[in-house]
Amino acid sequence: MKILFQTLLLSSIVALFVACNNSSSAPESIPEPIGYTPDGKCTIEMSQSRTQEQLDSLRAFCDTIFVHIVVDVYRDTVYDDTVIMYSENYTSFIYFDRNTEKYDTLVSPTAKESGIPGACDNVPVYCVLDSSDAQKTFSCEQSSICGLSAVMRVGVSNSWCSQPGYRCVRDTVIHDAFHAIFPTISYDTTFLNYGVNAWTDYIPAINAPAFDTATFINALDTLDTQKPIFGIDTLFSGYSITVEGLPDWASNRTKCTMSESLRVCMVKIDDDLQPKILDESMTYPSPYIEKPFFLWNNLESPLEKDTLITWNLIFSYSSKHYFQEKRGILEITTLFKGI
């Protein structure tokens, strides 16, 4: 019985072996996918440009189009040489910032002419050097117009990889080193008033002449109360001026007029609150801009008799920051003429 069982088991194993052998020699006919292309007929290279018509023609008999991408990976970069692509010229100098009352240093690209704009964080500076006097001086300015600096980053992306019917196949090729030429920029900075090769030791600060006290005293000596602004049309100054000790009807800040039976008074806005067309920090030294000075006559009617008033005129080069050497109090005695 045992011998019979062994004979039947051996026969089964032989039969199974023969069946497997026959299957490998005569495979069952299974249709291959159309997209399977060992000959590369449905494969395109990423670097190869194709028109839409060519792609449509390829899709006609390919279920899947394989996009072949070769990615080169370099273990190291070797620069065989260095080449200066272009040169950039800069100008640098120390100046006194009247807004912060501190010394600061400006380093900006050199402009070949006035008014050249640039990026707001790197506006070019145009300087004029003057060697005519005993001390070498210079003046510099930056354009009040600037724009945003933007760096455009271009990324390579292929929409094929995300489209139905396309499949991207990447091959990575490892290289020992990438040989290239190192591009660089040459920087040349001119140091105007500091450093070993400084052109001068002059530092742009407050470009203001002394306050013309004589002109103001003479002009304000006698004022006619029959005139709306007391007849002053010759006083100009770059200084901020305030007055103390004058009556309300003589003011450099308030102007009152009669509209029918209504008295209307307007108050002059402080210069610091008015918008500035040009930021003074863009000009070195800071500009000295003259403005007219006058007193409004806010009397409803002229004085009946001459009146003598002593008052103080306070002047400073900046209404925000008072520089001691540029600030003073001028005592003035004015004869206000009546009818």
C-alpha atoms as a PDB file:
ATOM      1  CA  MET A   1       0.000   0.000   0.000  1.00  0.00           C
ATOM      2  CA  LYS A   2       2.868   2.278   0.851  1.00  0.00           C
ATOM      3  CA  ILE A   3       4.556   1.516  -2.475  1.00  0.00           C
ATOM      4  CA  LEU A   4       1.336   2.315  -4.379  1.00  0.00           C
ATOM      5  CA  PHE A   5       1.021   5.746  -2.642  1.00  0.00           C
ATOM      6  CA  GLN A   6       4.613   6.665  -3.511  1.00  0.00           C
ATOM      7  CA  THR A   7       4.039   5.636  -7.160  1.00  0.00           C
ATOM      8  CA  LEU A   8       0.941   7.870  -7.464  1.00  0.00           C
ATOM      9  CA  LEU A   9       2.726  10.868  -5.835  1.00  0.00           C
ATOM     10  CA  LEU A  10       5.687  10.527  -8.191  1.00  0.00           C
ATOM     11  CA  SER A  11       3.365  10.372 -11.178  1.00  0.00           C
ATOM     12  CA  SER A  12       1.634  13.593 -10.068  1.00  0.00           C
ATOM     13  CA  ILE A  13       4.935  15.470  -9.724  1.00  0.00           C
ATOM     14  CA  VAL A  14       6.098  14.341 -13.188  1.00  0.00           C
ATOM     15  CA  ALA A  15       2.796  15.434 -14.709  1.00  0.00           C
ATOM     16  CA  LEU A  16       3.048  18.858 -13.060  1.00  0.00           C
ATOM     17  CA  PHE A  17       6.608  19.328 -14.322  1.00  0.00           C
ATOM     18  CA  VAL A  18       5.598  18.428 -17.870  1.00  0.00           C
ATOM     19  CA  ALA A  19       2.675  20.852 -17.780  1.00  0.00           C
ATOM     20  CA  CYS A  20       4.892  23.715 -16.626  1.00  0.00           C
ATOM     21  CA  ASN A  21       7.460  22.869 -19.242  1.00  0.00           C
ATOM     22  CA  ASN A  22       4.850  22.899 -21.989  1.00  0.00           C
ATOM     23  CA  SER A  23       3.502  26.294 -20.790  1.00  0.00           C
ATOM     24  CA  SER A  24       6.913  27.998 -21.043  1.00  0.00           C
ATOM     25  CA  SER A  25       7.530  26.719 -24.513  1.00  0.00           C
ATOM     26  CA  ALA A  26       4.107  27.677 -25.801  1.00  0.00           C
ATOM     27  CA  PRO A  27       2.910  30.800 -23.901  1.00  0.00           C
ATOM     28  CA  GLU A  28      -0.669  31.868 -23.892  1.00  0.00           C
ATOM     29  CA  SER A  29      -1.307  34.788 -26.259  1.00  0.00           C
ATOM     30  CA  ILE A  30      -1.783  37.898 -24.002  1.00  0.00           C
ATOM     31  CA  PRO A  31      -2.056  41.323 -25.767  1.00  0.00           C
ATOM     32  CA  GLU A  32       0.680  43.811 -24.713  1.00  0.00           C
ATOM     33  CA  PRO A  33      -0.308  47.338 -23.663  1.00  0.00           C
ATOM     34  CA  ILE A  34       0.007  49.827 -26.511  1.00  0.00           C
ATOM     35  CA  GLY A  35       1.959  52.169 -24.229  1.00  0.00           C
ATOM     36  CA  TYR A  36       4.692  49.636 -23.616  1.00  0.00           C
ATOM     37  CA  THR A  37       7.392  50.613 -26.126  1.00  0.00           C
ATOM     38  CA  PRO A  38      10.721  48.868 -25.674  1.00  0.00           C
ATOM     39  CA  ASP A  39      11.725  50.283 -29.043  1.00  0.00           C
ATOM     40  CA  GLY A  40      11.203  53.875 -27.764  1.00  0.00           C
ATOM     41  CA  LYS A  41       8.418  54.790 -30.168  1.00  0.00           C
ATOM     42  CA  CYS A  42       6.336  56.275 -27.335  1.00  0.00           C
ATOM     43  CA  THR A  43       9.259  57.947 -25.594  1.00  0.00           C
ATOM     44  CA  ILE A  44      10.270  61.585 -26.036  1.00  0.00           C
ATOM     45  CA  GLU A  45      13.151  63.518 -24.513  1.00  0.00           C
ATOM     46  CA  MET A  46      12.450  66.409 -22.166  1.00  0.00           C
ATOM     47  CA  SER A  47      14.954  68.549 -24.066  1.00  0.00           C
ATOM     48  CA  GLN A  48      13.338  67.751 -27.376  1.00  0.00           C
ATOM     49  CA  SER A  49      10.766  70.273 -28.559  1.00  0.00           C
ATOM     50  CA  ARG A  50       7.540  68.958 -30.018  1.00  0.00           C
ATOM     51  CA  THR A  51       4.642  70.723 -31.639  1.00  0.00           C
ATOM     52  CA  GLN A  52       1.112  70.061 -30.478  1.00  0.00           C
ATOM     53  CA  GLU A  53       0.422  68.363 -33.806  1.00  0.00           C
ATOM     54  CA  GLN A  54       3.312  65.936 -33.243  1.00  0.00           C
ATOM     55  CA  LEU A  55       2.086  65.147 -29.728  1.00  0.00           C
ATOM     56  CA  ASP A  56      -1.446  64.524 -30.954  1.00  0.00           C
ATOM     57  CA  SER A  57      -0.094  62.194 -33.625  1.00  0.00           C
ATOM     58  CA  LEU A  58       1.917  60.294 -31.021  1.00  0.00           C
ATOM     59  CA  ARG A  59      -1.067  59.984 -28.722  1.00  0.00           C
ATOM     60  CA  ALA A  60      -3.025  58.322 -31.531  1.00  0.00           C
ATOM     61  CA  PHE A  61      -1.235  55.000 -30.980  1.00  0.00           C
ATOM     62  CA  CYS A  62       0.357  55.413 -27.522  1.00  0.00           C
ATOM     63  CA  ASP A  63      -1.704  55.019 -24.371  1.00  0.00           C
ATOM     64  CA  THR A  64       1.161  56.567 -22.411  1.00  0.00           C
ATOM     65  CA  ILE A  65       3.884  58.892 -23.639  1.00  0.00           C
ATOM     66  CA  PHE A  66       7.084  58.518 -21.618  1.00  0.00           C
ATOM     67  CA  VAL A  67       8.986  61.767 -21.060  1.00  0.00           C
ATOM     68  CA  HIS A  68      12.651  60.974 -20.539  1.00  0.00           C
ATOM     69  CA  ILE A  69      14.571  63.350 -18.272  1.00  0.00           C
ATOM     70  CA  VAL A  70      18.311  63.212 -17.665  1.00  0.00           C
ATOM     71  CA  VAL A  71      19.418  64.839 -14.401  1.00  0.00           C
ATOM     72  CA  ASP A  72      23.146  65.562 -14.114  1.00  0.00           C
ATOM     73  CA  VAL A  73      24.476  65.572 -10.547  1.00  0.00           C
ATOM     74  CA  TYR A  74      27.994  66.871  -9.893  1.00  0.00           C
ATOM     75  CA  ARG A  75      29.901  65.911  -6.754  1.00  0.00           C
ATOM     76  CA  ASP A  76      31.956  69.130  -6.872  1.00  0.00           C
ATOM     77  CA  THR A  77      32.390  72.361  -8.844  1.00  0.00           C
ATOM     78  CA  VAL A  78      35.790  73.341 -10.173  1.00  0.00           C
ATOM     79  CA  TYR A  79      36.345  76.904 -11.409  1.00  0.00           C
ATOM     80  CA  ASP A  80      39.069  76.838 -14.032  1.00  0.00           C
ATOM     81  CA  ASP A  81      39.233  80.629 -14.351  1.00  0.00           C
ATOM     82  CA  THR A  82      37.719  83.885 -13.037  1.00  0.00           C
ATOM     83  CA  VAL A  83      36.173  86.446 -15.353  1.00  0.00           C
ATOM     84  CA  ILE A  84      35.053  89.979 -14.369  1.00  0.00           C
ATOM     85  CA  MET A  85      31.646  90.362 -15.959  1.00  0.00           C
ATOM     86  CA  TYR A  86      31.292  94.106 -15.281  1.00  0.00           C
ATOM     87  CA  SER A  87      32.360  96.812 -12.838  1.00  0.00           C
ATOM     88  CA  GLU A  88      30.255  98.759 -10.354  1.00  0.00           C
ATOM     89  CA  ASN A  89      31.349 102.160  -9.055  1.00  0.00           C
ATOM     90  CA  TYR A  90      30.286 103.353  -5.612  1.00  0.00           C
ATOM     91  CA  THR A  91      30.617 106.649  -3.755  1.00  0.00           C
ATOM     92  CA  SER A  92      30.939 106.780   0.017  1.00  0.00           C
ATOM     93  CA  PHE A  93      31.156 109.678   2.460  1.00  0.00           C
ATOM     94  CA  ILE A  94      30.351 110.742   6.015  1.00  0.00           C
ATOM     95  CA  TYR A  95      27.662 113.377   6.547  1.00  0.00           C
ATOM     96  CA  PHE A  96      25.794 114.987   9.419  1.00  0.00           C
ATOM     97  CA  ASP A  97      22.140 113.983   9.524  1.00  0.00           C
ATOM     98  CA  ARG A  98      20.180 116.995  10.776  1.00  0.00           C
ATOM     99  CA  ASN A  99      17.126 114.851  11.529  1.00  0.00           C
ATOM    100  CA  THR A 100      18.944 112.541  13.950  1.00  0.00           C
ATOM    101  CA  GLU A 101      21.695 115.017  14.908  1.00  0.00           C
ATOM    102  CA  LYS A 102      24.260 112.265  14.347  1.00  0.00           C
ATOM    103  CA  TYR A 103      26.983 111.473  11.853  1.00  0.00           C
ATOM    104  CA  ASP A 104      26.210 108.756   9.352  1.00  0.00           C
ATOM    105  CA  THR A 105      27.866 107.110   6.345  1.00  0.00           C
ATOM    106  CA  LEU A 106      26.359 106.822   2.895  1.00  0.00           C
ATOM    107  CA  VAL A 107      27.463 104.161   0.404  1.00  0.00           C
ATOM    108  CA  SER A 108      25.571 104.246  -2.897  1.00  0.00           C
ATOM    109  CA  PRO A 109      26.160 103.502  -6.581  1.00  0.00           C
ATOM    110  CA  THR A 110      27.743 106.386  -8.440  1.00  0.00           C
ATOM    111  CA  ALA A 111      25.413 108.221 -10.805  1.00  0.00           C
ATOM    112  CA  LYS A 112      26.880 109.841 -13.923  1.00  0.00           C
ATOM    113  CA  GLU A 113      24.329 112.655 -13.853  1.00  0.00           C
ATOM    114  CA  SER A 114      21.732 114.211 -11.602  1.00  0.00           C
ATOM    115  CA  GLY A 115      18.276 112.726 -11.135  1.00  0.00           C
ATOM    116  CA  ILE A 116      19.037 109.112 -12.033  1.00  0.00           C
ATOM    117  CA  PRO A 117      16.559 106.856 -10.154  1.00  0.00           C
ATOM    118  CA  GLY A 118      17.195 103.380  -8.827  1.00  0.00           C
ATOM    119  CA  ALA A 119      15.913 100.828  -6.375  1.00  0.00           C
ATOM    120  CA  CYS A 120      14.521 102.494  -3.254  1.00  0.00           C
ATOM    121  CA  ASP A 121      17.062 100.708  -1.065  1.00  0.00           C
ATOM    122  CA  ASN A 122      19.993 101.582  -3.344  1.00  0.00           C
ATOM    123  CA  VAL A 123      19.403 104.908  -5.130  1.00  0.00           C
ATOM    124  CA  PRO A 124      22.509 106.174  -7.019  1.00  0.00           C
ATOM    125  CA  VAL A 125      24.189 109.322  -5.728  1.00  0.00           C
ATOM    126  CA  TYR A 126      25.505 112.147  -7.922  1.00  0.00           C
ATOM    127  CA  CYS A 127      28.275 114.312  -6.453  1.00  0.00           C
ATOM    128  CA  VAL A 128      29.904 117.562  -7.545  1.00  0.00           C
ATOM    129  CA  LEU A 129      33.417 118.194  -6.218  1.00  0.00           C
ATOM    130  CA  ASP A 130      34.677 121.734  -5.699  1.00  0.00           C
ATOM    131  CA  SER A 131      38.405 122.433  -5.312  1.00  0.00           C
ATOM    132  CA  SER A 132      38.194 126.195  -5.890  1.00  0.00           C
ATOM    133  CA  ASP A 133      38.323 127.142  -2.197  1.00  0.00           C
ATOM    134  CA  ALA A 134      40.986 126.503   0.420  1.00  0.00           C
ATOM    135  CA  GLN A 135      38.968 123.553   1.702  1.00  0.00           C
ATOM    136  CA  LYS A 136      37.784 121.030  -0.822  1.00  0.00           C
ATOM    137  CA  THR A 137      34.015 120.684  -0.617  1.00  0.00           C
ATOM    138  CA  PHE A 138      31.414 118.576  -2.346  1.00  0.00           C
ATOM    139  CA  SER A 139      27.662 118.335  -2.679  1.00  0.00           C
ATOM    140  CA  CYS A 140      25.713 115.183  -3.489  1.00  0.00           C
ATOM    141  CA  GLU A 141      22.111 114.402  -4.309  1.00  0.00           C
ATOM    142  CA  GLN A 142      19.924 111.375  -4.879  1.00  0.00           C
ATOM    143  CA  SER A 143      16.849 111.201  -7.039  1.00  0.00           C
ATOM    144  CA  SER A 144      13.535 111.492  -5.215  1.00  0.00           C
ATOM    145  CA  ILE A 145      12.124 108.904  -7.643  1.00  0.00           C
ATOM    146  CA  CYS A 146      12.801 105.253  -6.968  1.00  0.00           C
ATOM    147  CA  GLY A 147      11.297 101.896  -7.723  1.00  0.00           C
ATOM    148  CA  LEU A 148      11.054  98.484  -6.145  1.00  0.00           C
ATOM    149  CA  SER A 149      13.911  96.119  -6.838  1.00  0.00           C
ATOM    150  CA  ALA A 150      12.748  92.680  -7.872  1.00  0.00           C
ATOM    151  CA  VAL A 151      14.649  89.509  -8.605  1.00  0.00           C
ATOM    152  CA  MET A 152      12.890  87.234 -11.037  1.00  0.00           C
ATOM    153  CA  ARG A 153      13.437  83.600 -10.289  1.00  0.00           C
ATOM    154  CA  VAL A 154      12.691  81.289 -13.197  1.00  0.00           C
ATOM    155  CA  GLY A 155      11.887  77.745 -12.257  1.00  0.00           C
ATOM    156  CA  VAL A 156      11.867  74.928 -14.802  1.00  0.00           C
ATOM    157  CA  SER A 157       8.709  72.928 -14.597  1.00  0.00           C
ATOM    158  CA  ASN A 158       7.064  70.669 -17.119  1.00  0.00           C
ATOM    159  CA  SER A 159       3.307  70.344 -17.175  1.00  0.00           C
ATOM    160  CA  TRP A 160       3.662  67.054 -19.017  1.00  0.00           C
ATOM    161  CA  CYS A 161       4.394  65.174 -15.797  1.00  0.00           C
ATOM    162  CA  SER A 162       1.014  66.151 -14.328  1.00  0.00           C
ATOM    163  CA  GLN A 163      -1.074  65.549 -17.442  1.00  0.00           C
ATOM    164  CA  PRO A 164      -3.005  62.317 -18.011  1.00  0.00           C
ATOM    165  CA  GLY A 165      -1.370  60.059 -20.568  1.00  0.00           C
ATOM    166  CA  TYR A 166       2.191  61.249 -19.786  1.00  0.00           C
ATOM    167  CA  ARG A 167       4.732  59.700 -17.470  1.00  0.00           C
ATOM    168  CA  CYS A 168       8.081  61.260 -16.634  1.00  0.00           C
ATOM    169  CA  VAL A 169      11.034  58.944 -16.312  1.00  0.00           C
ATOM    170  CA  ARG A 170      14.179  60.385 -14.737  1.00  0.00           C
ATOM    171  CA  ASP A 171      17.704  59.094 -15.132  1.00  0.00           C
ATOM    172  CA  THR A 172      20.313  60.494 -12.729  1.00  0.00           C
ATOM    173  CA  VAL A 173      23.877  60.698 -14.022  1.00  0.00           C
ATOM    174  CA  ILE A 174      26.616  61.214 -11.394  1.00  0.00           C
ATOM    175  CA  HIS A 175      29.699  63.234 -12.407  1.00  0.00           C
ATOM    176  CA  ASP A 176      32.842  63.878 -10.394  1.00  0.00           C
ATOM    177  CA  ALA A 177      33.117  67.637 -11.021  1.00  0.00           C
ATOM    178  CA  PHE A 178      31.552  70.454 -12.974  1.00  0.00           C
ATOM    179  CA  HIS A 179      34.151  72.656 -14.690  1.00  0.00           C
ATOM    180  CA  ALA A 180      33.132  76.274 -15.087  1.00  0.00           C
ATOM    181  CA  ILE A 181      34.368  79.863 -15.222  1.00  0.00           C
ATOM    182  CA  PHE A 182      33.605  81.926 -12.115  1.00  0.00           C
ATOM    183  CA  PRO A 183      31.834  85.193 -13.056  1.00  0.00           C
ATOM    184  CA  THR A 184      32.365  88.074 -10.641  1.00  0.00           C
ATOM    185  CA  ILE A 185      31.739  91.800 -10.309  1.00  0.00           C
ATOM    186  CA  SER A 186      34.475  94.359  -9.769  1.00  0.00           C
ATOM    187  CA  TYR A 187      33.646  96.962  -7.107  1.00  0.00           C
ATOM    188  CA  ASP A 188      35.402 100.330  -7.089  1.00  0.00           C
ATOM    189  CA  THR A 189      34.503 102.707  -4.239  1.00  0.00           C
ATOM    190  CA  THR A 190      35.507 106.369  -4.047  1.00  0.00           C
ATOM    191  CA  PHE A 191      35.832 107.531  -0.432  1.00  0.00           C
ATOM    192  CA  LEU A 192      35.268 111.286  -0.453  1.00  0.00           C
ATOM    193  CA  ASN A 193      35.992 112.317   3.128  1.00  0.00           C
ATOM    194  CA  TYR A 194      37.346 109.306   5.009  1.00  0.00           C
ATOM    195  CA  GLY A 195      39.764 106.459   4.523  1.00  0.00           C
ATOM    196  CA  VAL A 196      43.375 106.326   3.315  1.00  0.00           C
ATOM    197  CA  ASN A 197      42.694 107.961  -0.049  1.00  0.00           C
ATOM    198  CA  ALA A 198      40.104 110.484   1.147  1.00  0.00           C
ATOM    199  CA  TRP A 199      39.585 113.362  -1.278  1.00  0.00           C
ATOM    200  CA  THR A 200      38.828 115.851   1.536  1.00  0.00           C
ATOM    201  CA  ASP A 201      37.964 115.999   5.230  1.00  0.00           C
ATOM    202  CA  TYR A 202      34.936 118.217   4.635  1.00  0.00           C
ATOM    203  CA  ILE A 203      31.712 116.800   6.107  1.00  0.00           C
ATOM    204  CA  PRO A 204      28.374 117.974   4.666  1.00  0.00           C
ATOM    205  CA  ALA A 205      26.265 119.265   7.526  1.00  0.00           C
ATOM    206  CA  ILE A 206      24.028 122.304   7.798  1.00  0.00           C
ATOM    207  CA  ASN A 207      24.241 124.417   4.699  1.00  0.00           C
ATOM    208  CA  ALA A 208      22.727 127.554   6.221  1.00  0.00           C
ATOM    209  CA  PRO A 209      24.090 131.096   6.267  1.00  0.00           C
ATOM    210  CA  ALA A 210      23.967 133.187   9.432  1.00  0.00           C
ATOM    211  CA  PHE A 211      20.567 134.634  10.216  1.00  0.00           C
ATOM    212  CA  ASP A 212      20.310 138.133   8.705  1.00  0.00           C
ATOM    213  CA  THR A 213      19.407 140.016  11.875  1.00  0.00           C
ATOM    214  CA  ALA A 214      20.040 143.476  10.409  1.00  0.00           C
ATOM    215  CA  THR A 215      17.585 142.973   7.541  1.00  0.00           C
ATOM    216  CA  PHE A 216      14.838 141.763   9.897  1.00  0.00           C
ATOM    217  CA  ILE A 217      15.353 144.588  12.399  1.00  0.00           C
ATOM    218  CA  ASN A 218      15.206 147.215   9.669  1.00  0.00           C
ATOM    219  CA  ALA A 219      12.149 145.715   7.961  1.00  0.00           C
ATOM    220  CA  LEU A 220      10.221 145.318  11.216  1.00  0.00           C
ATOM    221  CA  ASP A 221      11.133 148.724  12.620  1.00  0.00           C
ATOM    222  CA  THR A 222       7.921 150.429  11.459  1.00  0.00           C
ATOM    223  CA  LEU A 223       4.690 148.717  10.326  1.00  0.00           C
ATOM    224  CA  ASP A 224       1.542 150.349   8.969  1.00  0.00           C
ATOM    225  CA  THR A 225      -1.661 148.973  10.508  1.00  0.00           C
ATOM    226  CA  GLN A 226      -3.643 150.187   7.500  1.00  0.00           C
ATOM    227  CA  LYS A 227      -2.096 147.444   5.351  1.00  0.00           C
ATOM    228  CA  PRO A 228      -3.227 143.789   5.475  1.00  0.00           C
ATOM    229  CA  ILE A 229       0.251 142.391   5.962  1.00  0.00           C
ATOM    230  CA  PHE A 230       1.908 145.486   7.302  1.00  0.00           C
ATOM    231  CA  GLY A 231       3.567 146.100   3.949  1.00  0.00           C
ATOM    232  CA  ILE A 232       6.291 143.440   4.375  1.00  0.00           C
ATOM    233  CA  ASP A 233       7.331 141.877   1.078  1.00  0.00           C
ATOM    234  CA  THR A 234      11.121 141.709   1.344  1.00  0.00           C
ATOM    235  CA  LEU A 235      11.773 139.208   4.172  1.00  0.00           C
ATOM    236  CA  PHE A 236      12.889 135.686   3.175  1.00  0.00           C
ATOM    237  CA  SER A 237      14.672 133.093   5.264  1.00  0.00           C
ATOM    238  CA  GLY A 238      15.391 129.373   5.426  1.00  0.00           C
ATOM    239  CA  TYR A 239      15.031 129.478   9.196  1.00  0.00           C
ATOM    240  CA  SER A 240      11.929 128.530  11.146  1.00  0.00           C
ATOM    241  CA  ILE A 241      10.626 131.683  12.857  1.00  0.00           C
ATOM    242  CA  THR A 242       8.234 132.089  15.763  1.00  0.00           C
ATOM    243  CA  VAL A 243       7.231 135.258  17.584  1.00  0.00           C
ATOM    244  CA  GLU A 244       6.628 136.061  21.254  1.00  0.00           C
ATOM    245  CA  GLY A 245       5.200 139.193  22.833  1.00  0.00           C
ATOM    246  CA  LEU A 246       3.069 140.431  19.946  1.00  0.00           C
ATOM    247  CA  PRO A 247      -0.691 140.968  20.361  1.00  0.00           C
ATOM    248  CA  ASP A 248      -3.057 138.510  18.706  1.00  0.00           C
ATOM    249  CA  TRP A 249      -3.830 140.941  15.908  1.00  0.00           C
ATOM    250  CA  ALA A 250      -0.191 140.785  14.727  1.00  0.00           C
ATOM    251  CA  SER A 251       0.561 137.135  13.953  1.00  0.00           C
ATOM    252  CA  ASN A 252       2.673 135.104  11.549  1.00  0.00           C
ATOM    253  CA  ARG A 253       0.391 132.064  11.962  1.00  0.00           C
ATOM    254  CA  THR A 254      -3.220 133.316  12.043  1.00  0.00           C
ATOM    255  CA  LYS A 255      -5.025 135.256   9.312  1.00  0.00           C
ATOM    256  CA  CYS A 256      -8.485 136.669  10.006  1.00  0.00           C
ATOM    257  CA  THR A 257     -10.900 138.111   7.439  1.00  0.00           C
ATOM    258  CA  MET A 258     -14.459 139.431   7.527  1.00  0.00           C
ATOM    259  CA  SER A 259     -17.074 137.620   5.454  1.00  0.00           C
ATOM    260  CA  GLU A 260     -20.232 139.741   5.606  1.00  0.00           C
ATOM    261  CA  SER A 261     -20.894 139.853   9.366  1.00  0.00           C
ATOM    262  CA  LEU A 262     -18.814 136.741  10.113  1.00  0.00           C
ATOM    263  CA  ARG A 263     -15.166 136.924  11.183  1.00  0.00           C
ATOM    264  CA  VAL A 264     -13.174 133.942   9.822  1.00  0.00           C
ATOM    265  CA  CYS A 265      -9.663 133.076  11.065  1.00  0.00           C
ATOM    266  CA  MET A 266      -7.326 130.589   9.450  1.00  0.00           C
ATOM    267  CA  VAL A 267      -4.325 129.080  11.222  1.00  0.00           C
ATOM    268  CA  LYS A 268      -1.190 128.274   9.272  1.00  0.00           C
ATOM    269  CA  ILE A 269      -0.280 124.583   9.310  1.00  0.00           C
ATOM    270  CA  ASP A 270       3.077 123.772  10.836  1.00  0.00           C
ATOM    271  CA  ASP A 271       5.703 123.149   8.166  1.00  0.00           C
ATOM    272  CA  ASP A 272       6.582 119.817   9.777  1.00  0.00           C
ATOM    273  CA  LEU A 273       3.048 118.545   9.102  1.00  0.00           C
ATOM    274  CA  GLN A 274       3.033 119.492   5.418  1.00  0.00           C
ATOM    275  CA  PRO A 275       3.987 116.873   2.849  1.00  0.00           C
ATOM    276  CA  LYS A 276       7.480 117.275   1.464  1.00  0.00           C
ATOM    277  CA  ILE A 277       8.106 116.895  -2.246  1.00  0.00           C
ATOM    278  CA  LEU A 278      11.771 116.136  -1.760  1.00  0.00           C
ATOM    279  CA  ASP A 279      13.158 114.450   1.310  1.00  0.00           C
ATOM    280  CA  GLU A 280      15.954 116.622   2.644  1.00  0.00           C
ATOM    281  CA  SER A 281      17.993 113.539   3.518  1.00  0.00           C
ATOM    282  CA  MET A 282      18.504 112.983  -0.217  1.00  0.00           C
ATOM    283  CA  THR A 283      20.648 116.090  -0.548  1.00  0.00           C
ATOM    284  CA  TYR A 284      24.059 116.443   1.074  1.00  0.00           C
ATOM    285  CA  PRO A 285      24.457 118.939   2.613  1.00  0.00           C
ATOM    286  CA  SER A 286      20.806 119.469   3.466  1.00  0.00           C
ATOM    287  CA  PRO A 287      19.237 122.218   1.338  1.00  0.00           C
ATOM    288  CA  TYR A 288      18.669 125.753   2.470  1.00  0.00           C
ATOM    289  CA  ILE A 289      15.227 126.703   1.162  1.00  0.00           C
ATOM    290  CA  GLU A 290      14.070 130.268   1.750  1.00  0.00           C
ATOM    291  CA  LYS A 291      10.447 131.040   2.532  1.00  0.00           C
ATOM    292  CA  PRO A 292       8.764 134.438   2.966  1.00  0.00           C
ATOM    293  CA  PHE A 293       8.136 135.818   6.442  1.00  0.00           C
ATOM    294  CA  PHE A 294       5.370 138.287   7.198  1.00  0.00           C
ATOM    295  CA  LEU A 295       2.896 139.316   9.894  1.00  0.00           C
ATOM    296  CA  TRP A 296      -0.840 139.257   9.228  1.00  0.00           C
ATOM    297  CA  ASN A 297      -2.797 142.334  10.263  1.00  0.00           C
ATOM    298  CA  ASN A 298      -5.845 140.913  12.026  1.00  0.00           C
ATOM    299  CA  LEU A 299      -7.202 144.281  13.234  1.00  0.00           C
ATOM    300  CA  GLU A 300     -10.833 144.958  12.382  1.00  0.00           C
ATOM    301  CA  SER A 301      -9.791 148.583  11.824  1.00  0.00           C
ATOM    302  CA  PRO A 302      -6.405 150.398  11.943  1.00  0.00           C
ATOM    303  CA  LEU A 303      -5.060 151.633  15.270  1.00  0.00           C
ATOM    304  CA  GLU A 304      -6.175 155.138  16.197  1.00  0.00           C
ATOM    305  CA  LYS A 305      -2.668 156.125  17.228  1.00  0.00           C
ATOM    306  CA  ASP A 306       0.919 154.943  16.853  1.00  0.00           C
ATOM    307  CA  THR A 307       1.846 152.113  19.224  1.00  0.00           C
ATOM    308  CA  LEU A 308       5.374 150.974  20.180  1.00  0.00           C
ATOM    309  CA  ILE A 309       5.770 147.252  21.030  1.00  0.00           C
ATOM    310  CA  THR A 310       8.944 145.344  21.965  1.00  0.00           C
ATOM    311  CA  TRP A 311       8.795 141.629  21.184  1.00  0.00           C
ATOM    312  CA  ASN A 312      11.019 138.621  20.478  1.00  0.00           C
ATOM    313  CA  LEU A 313      11.656 136.911  17.170  1.00  0.00           C
ATOM    314  CA  ILE A 314      12.963 133.359  17.699  1.00  0.00           C
ATOM    315  CA  PHE A 315      14.781 131.694  14.788  1.00  0.00           C
ATOM    316  CA  SER A 316      16.201 128.209  14.354  1.00  0.00           C
ATOM    317  CA  TYR A 317      17.468 126.339  11.333  1.00  0.00           C
ATOM    318  CA  SER A 318      15.209 123.387  12.044  1.00  0.00           C
ATOM    319  CA  SER A 319      11.832 123.566  13.725  1.00  0.00           C
ATOM    320  CA  LYS A 320      12.305 120.033  15.084  1.00  0.00           C
ATOM    321  CA  HIS A 321      15.926 119.973  16.129  1.00  0.00           C
ATOM    322  CA  TYR A 322      17.496 123.118  17.532  1.00  0.00           C
ATOM    323  CA  PHE A 323      21.168 123.469  16.697  1.00  0.00           C
ATOM    324  CA  GLN A 324      22.641 125.818  19.253  1.00  0.00           C
ATOM    325  CA  GLU A 325      24.931 127.550  16.769  1.00  0.00           C
ATOM    326  CA  LYS A 326      21.969 128.055  14.413  1.00  0.00           C
ATOM    327  CA  ARG A 327      19.382 129.299  16.914  1.00  0.00           C
ATOM    328  CA  GLY A 328      18.820 132.654  18.496  1.00  0.00           C
ATOM    329  CA  ILE A 329      16.412 135.211  19.967  1.00  0.00           C
ATOM    330  CA  LEU A 330      16.218 138.633  18.388  1.00  0.00           C
ATOM    331  CA  GLU A 331      14.648 141.462  20.402  1.00  0.00           C
ATOM    332  CA  ILE A 332      12.780 143.846  18.120  1.00  0.00           C
ATOM    333  CA  THR A 333      11.012 147.136  18.849  1.00  0.00           C
ATOM    334  CA  THR A 334       8.325 147.946  16.291  1.00  0.00           C
ATOM    335  CA  LEU A 335       6.341 151.130  15.785  1.00  0.00           C
ATOM    336  CA  PHE A 336       2.852 150.152  14.632  1.00  0.00           C
ATOM    337  CA  LYS A 337       1.550 153.244  12.851  1.00  0.00           C
ATOM    338  CA  GLY A 338      -2.072 154.213  13.399  1.00  0.00           C
ATOM    339  CA  ILE A 339      -4.407 156.449  11.443  1.00  0.00           C
END
